[in-house]
Amino acid sequence: MTVKIVTDSLSDITSDLAGELGITVVPLYVRFGEEIYRDRVEITTEEFYRRLVSESTFPSTTQPTPNDFAEVYNNLARETDEILVIVVSSKLSGTYQSATQAKEGFEGKCRIEIVDSLSVAMGMGLIVISAAKAVQAGANLDEVTRLALGAVSRSHMVIYFDTLKYLAKGGRIGKARGLLGSMLSVKPILTMKDGELAPLTRMRSLSAGMDYLYNAVADVPRIDQLAVEHTTNPADADAMTERLSAIYQKGHIYRSDISPVIGVHAGPNALAVSLLEA
């Protein structure tokens, strides 16, 4: 039986790519007041960002429930007895705990392995894509779990923020708290370090920030996979993709929108590049 790959919506894997690679995506939740939506399922990225910048109610986010994962496990257990689950950093969300709690009901029925990606967005997505491609090439659960765990340390993400306001409001600012004093006058650039957001530098403009993102990729000698994504600024993502195509095959650069749940914390005009070292 083929291993089934499960991830959460913070991997930013598009529905088309999920379908192509046989990946099941468990959505997180985003909430505006009393209205609760499943990430990317009941609210589109466009609608979410429109509301984020135009409404006075600040949205909140919630992890999937153990029951959400149990339902997915139950459906997949009809087709396989091996499932690999790769989720957002446990330091950013309780999703890992929900996935683990749901696994308890399947002991003896289906073998389920859960990997903490220690990342988010396409930093996690590239790990998931690698695992799914390995399964398509015939890898078993032990092999693909080892591959995913090995990819965690090879996954790197650099994110340009137009503002830290949303990250501060959402309480996910982590090690970047020290940048808050100057958040109005500079454009922070963060990365993921040990499963948390950590500061890299500060820039005065978008163009300087884009230079930094480009150089962060150009400085890596061997790249296995590369992704560019954005919140509300597709033209910036297009420009970054075009520029990176000089050092990496353009047709092989994954493109995505940063999901609504991440967008609660990233805010508008964020831009990210993620890569998996070869």
C-alpha atoms as a PDB file:
ATOM      1  CA  MET A   1       0.000   0.000   0.000  1.00  0.00           C
ATOM      2  CA  THR A   2       1.151   3.534  -0.792  1.00  0.00           C
ATOM      3  CA  VAL A   3       2.046   5.894   2.050  1.00  0.00           C
ATOM      4  CA  LYS A   4      -0.403   8.802   2.377  1.00  0.00           C
ATOM      5  CA  ILE A   5       0.974  12.276   3.112  1.00  0.00           C
ATOM      6  CA  VAL A   6      -0.946  14.691   5.359  1.00  0.00           C
ATOM      7  CA  THR A   7      -0.060  18.289   6.154  1.00  0.00           C
ATOM      8  CA  ASP A   8      -1.837  21.393   7.429  1.00  0.00           C
ATOM      9  CA  SER A   9      -2.891  24.521   5.537  1.00  0.00           C
ATOM     10  CA  LEU A  10       0.073  26.527   6.846  1.00  0.00           C
ATOM     11  CA  SER A  11       2.260  24.595   4.382  1.00  0.00           C
ATOM     12  CA  ASP A  12       0.847  26.935   1.699  1.00  0.00           C
ATOM     13  CA  ILE A  13       0.674  24.061  -0.782  1.00  0.00           C
ATOM     14  CA  THR A  14      -1.839  25.001  -3.477  1.00  0.00           C
ATOM     15  CA  SER A  15      -4.882  22.798  -4.027  1.00  0.00           C
ATOM     16  CA  ASP A  16      -3.642  21.946  -7.538  1.00  0.00           C
ATOM     17  CA  LEU A  17      -0.270  20.776  -6.235  1.00  0.00           C
ATOM     18  CA  ALA A  18      -1.891  18.854  -3.378  1.00  0.00           C
ATOM     19  CA  GLY A  19      -4.063  17.032  -5.890  1.00  0.00           C
ATOM     20  CA  GLU A  20      -1.146  16.302  -8.206  1.00  0.00           C
ATOM     21  CA  LEU A  21       1.025  14.897  -5.404  1.00  0.00           C
ATOM     22  CA  GLY A  22      -1.726  13.154  -3.438  1.00  0.00           C
ATOM     23  CA  ILE A  23      -1.340  15.358  -0.339  1.00  0.00           C
ATOM     24  CA  THR A  24      -4.215  15.751   2.133  1.00  0.00           C
ATOM     25  CA  VAL A  25      -4.346  19.230   3.689  1.00  0.00           C
ATOM     26  CA  VAL A  26      -5.984  19.758   7.099  1.00  0.00           C
ATOM     27  CA  PRO A  27      -7.104  23.396   7.437  1.00  0.00           C
ATOM     28  CA  LEU A  28      -6.548  25.609  10.460  1.00  0.00           C
ATOM     29  CA  TYR A  29      -9.208  28.157  11.382  1.00  0.00           C
ATOM     30  CA  VAL A  30      -9.362  31.934  11.098  1.00  0.00           C
ATOM     31  CA  ARG A  31     -11.929  33.931  13.040  1.00  0.00           C
ATOM     32  CA  PHE A  32     -13.397  37.416  12.562  1.00  0.00           C
ATOM     33  CA  GLY A  33     -15.465  38.091  15.675  1.00  0.00           C
ATOM     34  CA  GLU A  34     -18.112  35.347  15.780  1.00  0.00           C
ATOM     35  CA  GLU A  35     -17.421  34.172  12.214  1.00  0.00           C
ATOM     36  CA  ILE A  36     -15.124  31.136  11.940  1.00  0.00           C
ATOM     37  CA  TYR A  37     -13.709  29.926   8.620  1.00  0.00           C
ATOM     38  CA  ARG A  38     -11.590  26.970   7.577  1.00  0.00           C
ATOM     39  CA  ASP A  39      -8.337  28.313   6.135  1.00  0.00           C
ATOM     40  CA  ARG A  40      -8.476  28.415   2.293  1.00  0.00           C
ATOM     41  CA  VAL A  41     -11.667  26.301   2.322  1.00  0.00           C
ATOM     42  CA  GLU A  42     -14.362  28.687   3.534  1.00  0.00           C
ATOM     43  CA  ILE A  43     -12.448  31.922   2.993  1.00  0.00           C
ATOM     44  CA  THR A  44     -10.168  32.730   0.061  1.00  0.00           C
ATOM     45  CA  THR A  45      -6.839  34.482   0.489  1.00  0.00           C
ATOM     46  CA  GLU A  46      -8.166  37.490  -1.457  1.00  0.00           C
ATOM     47  CA  GLU A  47     -11.260  37.856   0.725  1.00  0.00           C
ATOM     48  CA  PHE A  48      -9.242  37.409   3.903  1.00  0.00           C
ATOM     49  CA  TYR A  49      -6.660  40.091   3.105  1.00  0.00           C
ATOM     50  CA  ARG A  50      -9.377  42.497   1.992  1.00  0.00           C
ATOM     51  CA  ARG A  51     -11.053  42.109   5.374  1.00  0.00           C
ATOM     52  CA  LEU A  52      -7.757  42.223   7.278  1.00  0.00           C
ATOM     53  CA  VAL A  53      -6.930  45.717   6.041  1.00  0.00           C
ATOM     54  CA  SER A  54     -10.468  47.143   5.878  1.00  0.00           C
ATOM     55  CA  GLU A  55     -12.198  45.881   9.030  1.00  0.00           C
ATOM     56  CA  SER A  56     -11.690  47.055  12.595  1.00  0.00           C
ATOM     57  CA  THR A  57     -12.076  43.536  14.049  1.00  0.00           C
ATOM     58  CA  PHE A  58      -8.657  41.915  14.334  1.00  0.00           C
ATOM     59  CA  PRO A  59      -8.858  38.228  13.356  1.00  0.00           C
ATOM     60  CA  SER A  60      -7.603  35.349  15.473  1.00  0.00           C
ATOM     61  CA  THR A  61      -6.518  31.829  14.537  1.00  0.00           C
ATOM     62  CA  THR A  62      -7.064  28.331  15.907  1.00  0.00           C
ATOM     63  CA  GLN A  63      -5.390  24.999  15.256  1.00  0.00           C
ATOM     64  CA  PRO A  64      -7.291  22.015  13.838  1.00  0.00           C
ATOM     65  CA  THR A  65      -8.946  19.851  16.484  1.00  0.00           C
ATOM     66  CA  PRO A  66      -7.832  16.269  17.196  1.00  0.00           C
ATOM     67  CA  ASN A  67     -11.158  15.262  15.655  1.00  0.00           C
ATOM     68  CA  ASP A  68     -10.243  17.060  12.401  1.00  0.00           C
ATOM     69  CA  PHE A  69      -7.122  14.898  12.151  1.00  0.00           C
ATOM     70  CA  ALA A  70      -8.936  11.735  13.282  1.00  0.00           C
ATOM     71  CA  GLU A  71     -11.458  12.195  10.477  1.00  0.00           C
ATOM     72  CA  VAL A  72      -8.632  12.471   7.924  1.00  0.00           C
ATOM     73  CA  TYR A  73      -6.819   9.451   9.389  1.00  0.00           C
ATOM     74  CA  ASN A  74     -10.036   7.448   9.301  1.00  0.00           C
ATOM     75  CA  ASN A  75     -10.677   8.262   5.635  1.00  0.00           C
ATOM     76  CA  LEU A  76      -7.110   7.486   4.598  1.00  0.00           C
ATOM     77  CA  ALA A  77      -6.999   4.262   6.644  1.00  0.00           C
ATOM     78  CA  ARG A  78      -9.507   2.839   4.163  1.00  0.00           C
ATOM     79  CA  GLU A  79      -6.823   3.139   1.472  1.00  0.00           C
ATOM     80  CA  THR A  80      -3.553   2.560   3.347  1.00  0.00           C
ATOM     81  CA  ASP A  81      -2.028   1.399   6.611  1.00  0.00           C
ATOM     82  CA  GLU A  82       0.828   3.952   6.524  1.00  0.00           C
ATOM     83  CA  ILE A  83       0.396   7.705   6.986  1.00  0.00           C
ATOM     84  CA  LEU A  84       3.036  10.424   7.317  1.00  0.00           C
ATOM     85  CA  VAL A  85       1.892  13.723   8.845  1.00  0.00           C
ATOM     86  CA  ILE A  86       4.095  16.835   8.487  1.00  0.00           C
ATOM     87  CA  VAL A  87       2.889  19.874  10.420  1.00  0.00           C
ATOM     88  CA  VAL A  88       3.719  23.490  11.251  1.00  0.00           C
ATOM     89  CA  SER A  89       6.313  24.175  13.949  1.00  0.00           C
ATOM     90  CA  SER A  90       5.039  23.109  17.364  1.00  0.00           C
ATOM     91  CA  LYS A  91       6.437  26.386  18.728  1.00  0.00           C
ATOM     92  CA  LEU A  92       4.001  28.383  16.567  1.00  0.00           C
ATOM     93  CA  SER A  93       0.832  26.301  16.842  1.00  0.00           C
ATOM     94  CA  GLY A  94      -0.836  23.465  18.733  1.00  0.00           C
ATOM     95  CA  THR A  95      -1.405  21.622  15.440  1.00  0.00           C
ATOM     96  CA  TYR A  96       1.309  19.051  16.261  1.00  0.00           C
ATOM     97  CA  GLN A  97      -0.449  18.239  19.539  1.00  0.00           C
ATOM     98  CA  SER A  98      -3.802  17.796  17.783  1.00  0.00           C
ATOM     99  CA  ALA A  99      -2.263  15.505  15.164  1.00  0.00           C
ATOM    100  CA  THR A 100      -0.550  13.448  17.884  1.00  0.00           C
ATOM    101  CA  GLN A 101      -3.641  13.207  20.077  1.00  0.00           C
ATOM    102  CA  ALA A 102      -5.722  11.977  17.138  1.00  0.00           C
ATOM    103  CA  LYS A 103      -3.149   9.254  16.405  1.00  0.00           C
ATOM    104  CA  GLU A 104      -3.893   7.507  19.715  1.00  0.00           C
ATOM    105  CA  GLY A 105      -7.145   6.082  18.417  1.00  0.00           C
ATOM    106  CA  PHE A 106      -5.444   4.326  15.504  1.00  0.00           C
ATOM    107  CA  GLU A 107      -2.882   2.158  17.312  1.00  0.00           C
ATOM    108  CA  GLY A 108      -2.931  -1.283  15.721  1.00  0.00           C
ATOM    109  CA  LYS A 109      -5.137  -0.165  12.819  1.00  0.00           C
ATOM    110  CA  CYS A 110      -2.858   2.161  10.895  1.00  0.00           C
ATOM    111  CA  ARG A 111       0.752   3.239  11.412  1.00  0.00           C
ATOM    112  CA  ILE A 112       0.990   7.022  11.653  1.00  0.00           C
ATOM    113  CA  GLU A 113       4.254   8.977  11.905  1.00  0.00           C
ATOM    114  CA  ILE A 114       4.185  12.702  12.731  1.00  0.00           C
ATOM    115  CA  VAL A 115       7.004  15.122  11.865  1.00  0.00           C
ATOM    116  CA  ASP A 116       7.352  18.590  13.383  1.00  0.00           C
ATOM    117  CA  SER A 117       8.639  20.664  10.458  1.00  0.00           C
ATOM    118  CA  LEU A 118       9.965  23.409  12.794  1.00  0.00           C
ATOM    119  CA  SER A 119       8.882  25.723   9.993  1.00  0.00           C
ATOM    120  CA  VAL A 120       5.874  27.355   8.383  1.00  0.00           C
ATOM    121  CA  ALA A 121       4.590  28.433   4.950  1.00  0.00           C
ATOM    122  CA  MET A 122       6.627  27.037   2.035  1.00  0.00           C
ATOM    123  CA  GLY A 123       9.532  26.429   4.421  1.00  0.00           C
ATOM    124  CA  MET A 124       7.328  23.546   5.539  1.00  0.00           C
ATOM    125  CA  GLY A 125       5.706  23.091   2.143  1.00  0.00           C
ATOM    126  CA  LEU A 126       8.972  22.144   0.444  1.00  0.00           C
ATOM    127  CA  ILE A 127       9.533  19.399   3.044  1.00  0.00           C
ATOM    128  CA  VAL A 128       6.037  18.079   2.337  1.00  0.00           C
ATOM    129  CA  ILE A 129       6.564  18.208  -1.437  1.00  0.00           C
ATOM    130  CA  SER A 130       9.843  16.274  -1.129  1.00  0.00           C
ATOM    131  CA  ALA A 131       8.124  13.603   0.941  1.00  0.00           C
ATOM    132  CA  ALA A 132       5.228  13.294  -1.517  1.00  0.00           C
ATOM    133  CA  LYS A 133       7.615  12.968  -4.463  1.00  0.00           C
ATOM    134  CA  ALA A 134       9.556  10.258  -2.604  1.00  0.00           C
ATOM    135  CA  VAL A 135       6.313   8.345  -2.063  1.00  0.00           C
ATOM    136  CA  GLN A 136       5.514   8.629  -5.768  1.00  0.00           C
ATOM    137  CA  ALA A 137       8.981   7.178  -6.443  1.00  0.00           C
ATOM    138  CA  GLY A 138       8.162   4.183  -4.237  1.00  0.00           C
ATOM    139  CA  ALA A 139       9.470   5.107  -0.765  1.00  0.00           C
ATOM    140  CA  ASN A 140       7.951   3.280   2.212  1.00  0.00           C
ATOM    141  CA  LEU A 141       6.955   4.926   5.498  1.00  0.00           C
ATOM    142  CA  ASP A 142      10.337   4.446   7.196  1.00  0.00           C
ATOM    143  CA  GLU A 143      12.184   5.857   4.189  1.00  0.00           C
ATOM    144  CA  VAL A 144       9.945   8.865   3.676  1.00  0.00           C
ATOM    145  CA  THR A 145       9.913   9.682   7.413  1.00  0.00           C
ATOM    146  CA  ARG A 146      13.725   9.687   7.443  1.00  0.00           C
ATOM    147  CA  LEU A 147      13.730  11.902   4.351  1.00  0.00           C
ATOM    148  CA  ALA A 148      11.306  14.379   5.919  1.00  0.00           C
ATOM    149  CA  LEU A 149      13.247  14.543   9.188  1.00  0.00           C
ATOM    150  CA  GLY A 150      16.468  15.100   7.231  1.00  0.00           C
ATOM    151  CA  ALA A 151      14.852  17.872   5.192  1.00  0.00           C
ATOM    152  CA  VAL A 152      13.898  19.850   8.321  1.00  0.00           C
ATOM    153  CA  SER A 153      17.470  21.104   8.828  1.00  0.00           C
ATOM    154  CA  ARG A 154      17.894  21.790   5.079  1.00  0.00           C
ATOM    155  CA  SER A 155      14.792  23.984   4.828  1.00  0.00           C
ATOM    156  CA  HIS A 156      15.361  27.738   5.037  1.00  0.00           C
ATOM    157  CA  MET A 157      12.935  30.630   4.779  1.00  0.00           C
ATOM    158  CA  VAL A 158      13.501  34.382   4.637  1.00  0.00           C
ATOM    159  CA  ILE A 159      10.490  36.689   5.031  1.00  0.00           C
ATOM    160  CA  TYR A 160      10.197  40.396   4.294  1.00  0.00           C
ATOM    161  CA  PHE A 161       7.568  42.154   6.416  1.00  0.00           C
ATOM    162  CA  ASP A 162       6.154  45.534   5.505  1.00  0.00           C
ATOM    163  CA  THR A 163       5.314  45.932   9.205  1.00  0.00           C
ATOM    164  CA  LEU A 164       5.597  43.956  12.453  1.00  0.00           C
ATOM    165  CA  LYS A 165       2.268  45.355  13.665  1.00  0.00           C
ATOM    166  CA  TYR A 166       0.289  42.208  12.863  1.00  0.00           C
ATOM    167  CA  LEU A 167       2.908  39.842  14.258  1.00  0.00           C
ATOM    168  CA  ALA A 168       2.938  41.792  17.514  1.00  0.00           C
ATOM    169  CA  LYS A 169      -0.885  41.853  17.718  1.00  0.00           C
ATOM    170  CA  GLY A 170      -1.115  38.119  17.100  1.00  0.00           C
ATOM    171  CA  GLY A 171       1.438  37.263  19.791  1.00  0.00           C
ATOM    172  CA  ARG A 172       3.691  35.221  17.459  1.00  0.00           C
ATOM    173  CA  ILE A 173       6.614  37.639  17.350  1.00  0.00           C
ATOM    174  CA  GLY A 174       9.055  35.319  19.143  1.00  0.00           C
ATOM    175  CA  LYS A 175      12.692  36.370  19.000  1.00  0.00           C
ATOM    176  CA  ALA A 176      11.868  39.347  16.779  1.00  0.00           C
ATOM    177  CA  ARG A 177      10.435  41.296  19.728  1.00  0.00           C
ATOM    178  CA  GLY A 178      13.559  43.456  19.873  1.00  0.00           C
ATOM    179  CA  LEU A 179      12.665  45.013  16.514  1.00  0.00           C
ATOM    180  CA  LEU A 180       9.369  46.439  17.722  1.00  0.00           C
ATOM    181  CA  GLY A 181      10.743  49.800  18.850  1.00  0.00           C
ATOM    182  CA  SER A 182      11.537  50.800  15.294  1.00  0.00           C
ATOM    183  CA  MET A 183       8.804  48.910  13.499  1.00  0.00           C
ATOM    184  CA  LEU A 184       7.318  51.983  11.826  1.00  0.00           C
ATOM    185  CA  SER A 185      10.477  53.186  10.145  1.00  0.00           C
ATOM    186  CA  VAL A 186      12.038  49.937   8.924  1.00  0.00           C
ATOM    187  CA  LYS A 187      11.113  46.792   7.022  1.00  0.00           C
ATOM    188  CA  PRO A 188      12.052  43.751   9.134  1.00  0.00           C
ATOM    189  CA  ILE A 189      13.418  40.571   7.594  1.00  0.00           C
ATOM    190  CA  LEU A 190      12.929  37.420   9.636  1.00  0.00           C
ATOM    191  CA  THR A 191      13.724  33.736   9.345  1.00  0.00           C
ATOM    192  CA  MET A 192      12.792  30.533  11.147  1.00  0.00           C
ATOM    193  CA  LYS A 193      15.327  29.409  13.744  1.00  0.00           C
ATOM    194  CA  ASP A 194      14.765  26.415  16.013  1.00  0.00           C
ATOM    195  CA  GLY A 195      11.073  26.499  15.160  1.00  0.00           C
ATOM    196  CA  GLU A 196      10.536  30.190  15.984  1.00  0.00           C
ATOM    197  CA  LEU A 197      10.626  33.440  14.058  1.00  0.00           C
ATOM    198  CA  ALA A 198      13.978  35.159  14.512  1.00  0.00           C
ATOM    199  CA  PRO A 199      15.303  38.505  13.192  1.00  0.00           C
ATOM    200  CA  LEU A 200      17.882  38.654  10.399  1.00  0.00           C
ATOM    201  CA  THR A 201      18.092  42.340   9.578  1.00  0.00           C
ATOM    202  CA  ARG A 202      16.134  45.548   8.918  1.00  0.00           C
ATOM    203  CA  MET A 203      15.798  47.359   5.627  1.00  0.00           C
ATOM    204  CA  ARG A 204      14.685  50.881   4.713  1.00  0.00           C
ATOM    205  CA  SER A 205      12.769  49.954   1.574  1.00  0.00           C
ATOM    206  CA  LEU A 206      11.108  47.165  -0.360  1.00  0.00           C
ATOM    207  CA  SER A 207      13.810  47.234  -3.043  1.00  0.00           C
ATOM    208  CA  ALA A 208      16.534  46.748  -0.411  1.00  0.00           C
ATOM    209  CA  GLY A 209      14.474  43.967   1.115  1.00  0.00           C
ATOM    210  CA  MET A 210      14.125  42.241  -2.244  1.00  0.00           C
ATOM    211  CA  ASP A 211      17.883  42.493  -2.758  1.00  0.00           C
ATOM    212  CA  TYR A 212      18.370  40.785   0.595  1.00  0.00           C
ATOM    213  CA  LEU A 213      15.952  37.964  -0.280  1.00  0.00           C
ATOM    214  CA  TYR A 214      17.644  37.425  -3.639  1.00  0.00           C
ATOM    215  CA  ASN A 215      21.108  37.296  -2.081  1.00  0.00           C
ATOM    216  CA  ALA A 216      19.926  34.880   0.608  1.00  0.00           C
ATOM    217  CA  VAL A 217      19.082  32.437  -2.184  1.00  0.00           C
ATOM    218  CA  ALA A 218      22.097  33.249  -4.378  1.00  0.00           C
ATOM    219  CA  ASP A 219      24.469  32.500  -1.479  1.00  0.00           C
ATOM    220  CA  VAL A 220      23.314  28.862  -1.261  1.00  0.00           C
ATOM    221  CA  PRO A 221      25.569  26.750  -3.508  1.00  0.00           C
ATOM    222  CA  ARG A 222      23.153  23.869  -4.219  1.00  0.00           C
ATOM    223  CA  ILE A 223      19.372  24.189  -4.114  1.00  0.00           C
ATOM    224  CA  ASP A 224      17.002  21.257  -4.416  1.00  0.00           C
ATOM    225  CA  GLN A 225      13.729  23.228  -4.369  1.00  0.00           C
ATOM    226  CA  LEU A 226      12.767  26.890  -4.303  1.00  0.00           C
ATOM    227  CA  ALA A 227       9.530  28.784  -3.600  1.00  0.00           C
ATOM    228  CA  VAL A 228       8.315  32.385  -3.663  1.00  0.00           C
ATOM    229  CA  GLU A 229       5.106  33.542  -1.980  1.00  0.00           C
ATOM    230  CA  HIS A 230       3.335  36.717  -0.933  1.00  0.00           C
ATOM    231  CA  THR A 231       0.344  38.071   0.999  1.00  0.00           C
ATOM    232  CA  THR A 232      -1.141  40.940  -1.059  1.00  0.00           C
ATOM    233  CA  ASN A 233       1.641  41.822  -3.494  1.00  0.00           C
ATOM    234  CA  PRO A 234       1.731  39.394  -6.446  1.00  0.00           C
ATOM    235  CA  ALA A 235       3.701  41.847  -8.595  1.00  0.00           C
ATOM    236  CA  ASP A 236       6.565  41.783  -6.069  1.00  0.00           C
ATOM    237  CA  ALA A 237       6.457  37.982  -6.055  1.00  0.00           C
ATOM    238  CA  ASP A 238       6.500  37.980  -9.878  1.00  0.00           C
ATOM    239  CA  ALA A 239       9.539  40.281  -9.882  1.00  0.00           C
ATOM    240  CA  MET A 240      11.327  38.105  -7.320  1.00  0.00           C
ATOM    241  CA  THR A 241      10.576  34.939  -9.285  1.00  0.00           C
ATOM    242  CA  GLU A 242      11.853  36.538 -12.496  1.00  0.00           C
ATOM    243  CA  ARG A 243      15.036  37.648 -10.788  1.00  0.00           C
ATOM    244  CA  LEU A 244      15.654  34.253  -9.183  1.00  0.00           C
ATOM    245  CA  SER A 245      15.170  32.531 -12.545  1.00  0.00           C
ATOM    246  CA  ALA A 246      18.684  33.757 -13.421  1.00  0.00           C
ATOM    247  CA  ILE A 247      20.084  31.303 -10.853  1.00  0.00           C
ATOM    248  CA  TYR A 248      17.349  28.645 -10.718  1.00  0.00           C
ATOM    249  CA  GLN A 249      15.027  27.253 -13.399  1.00  0.00           C
ATOM    250  CA  LYS A 250      12.012  29.543 -13.490  1.00  0.00           C
ATOM    251  CA  GLY A 251       9.529  26.796 -14.323  1.00  0.00           C
ATOM    252  CA  HIS A 252      10.610  24.915 -11.200  1.00  0.00           C
ATOM    253  CA  ILE A 253      10.114  27.758  -8.709  1.00  0.00           C
ATOM    254  CA  TYR A 254       6.971  27.061  -6.699  1.00  0.00           C
ATOM    255  CA  ARG A 255       4.573  29.982  -6.341  1.00  0.00           C
ATOM    256  CA  SER A 256       1.943  30.382  -3.652  1.00  0.00           C
ATOM    257  CA  ASP A 257      -0.071  32.850  -1.600  1.00  0.00           C
ATOM    258  CA  ILE A 258       0.639  33.055   2.113  1.00  0.00           C
ATOM    259  CA  SER A 259      -2.420  31.513   3.776  1.00  0.00           C
ATOM    260  CA  PRO A 260      -4.987  33.551   5.729  1.00  0.00           C
ATOM    261  CA  VAL A 261      -3.933  32.017   9.070  1.00  0.00           C
ATOM    262  CA  ILE A 262      -0.311  33.083   8.509  1.00  0.00           C
ATOM    263  CA  GLY A 263      -1.553  36.377   7.063  1.00  0.00           C
ATOM    264  CA  VAL A 264      -3.146  37.269  10.409  1.00  0.00           C
ATOM    265  CA  HIS A 265       0.437  37.582  11.688  1.00  0.00           C
ATOM    266  CA  ALA A 266       2.290  38.574   8.505  1.00  0.00           C
ATOM    267  CA  GLY A 267      -0.007  41.385   7.409  1.00  0.00           C
ATOM    268  CA  PRO A 268      -0.207  42.908   3.909  1.00  0.00           C
ATOM    269  CA  ASN A 269       2.745  43.250   1.508  1.00  0.00           C
ATOM    270  CA  ALA A 270       4.812  40.429   2.997  1.00  0.00           C
ATOM    271  CA  LEU A 271       7.113  38.488   0.675  1.00  0.00           C
ATOM    272  CA  ALA A 272       8.915  35.212   1.381  1.00  0.00           C
ATOM    273  CA  VAL A 273      11.455  32.962  -0.290  1.00  0.00           C
ATOM    274  CA  SER A 274      11.943  29.405   0.890  1.00  0.00           C
ATOM    275  CA  LEU A 275      14.499  26.874  -0.254  1.00  0.00           C
ATOM    276  CA  LEU A 276      15.528  23.302   0.380  1.00  0.00           C
ATOM    277  CA  GLU A 277      19.263  22.756   0.187  1.00  0.00           C
ATOM    278  CA  ALA A 278      20.405  19.885  -1.999  1.00  0.00           C
END
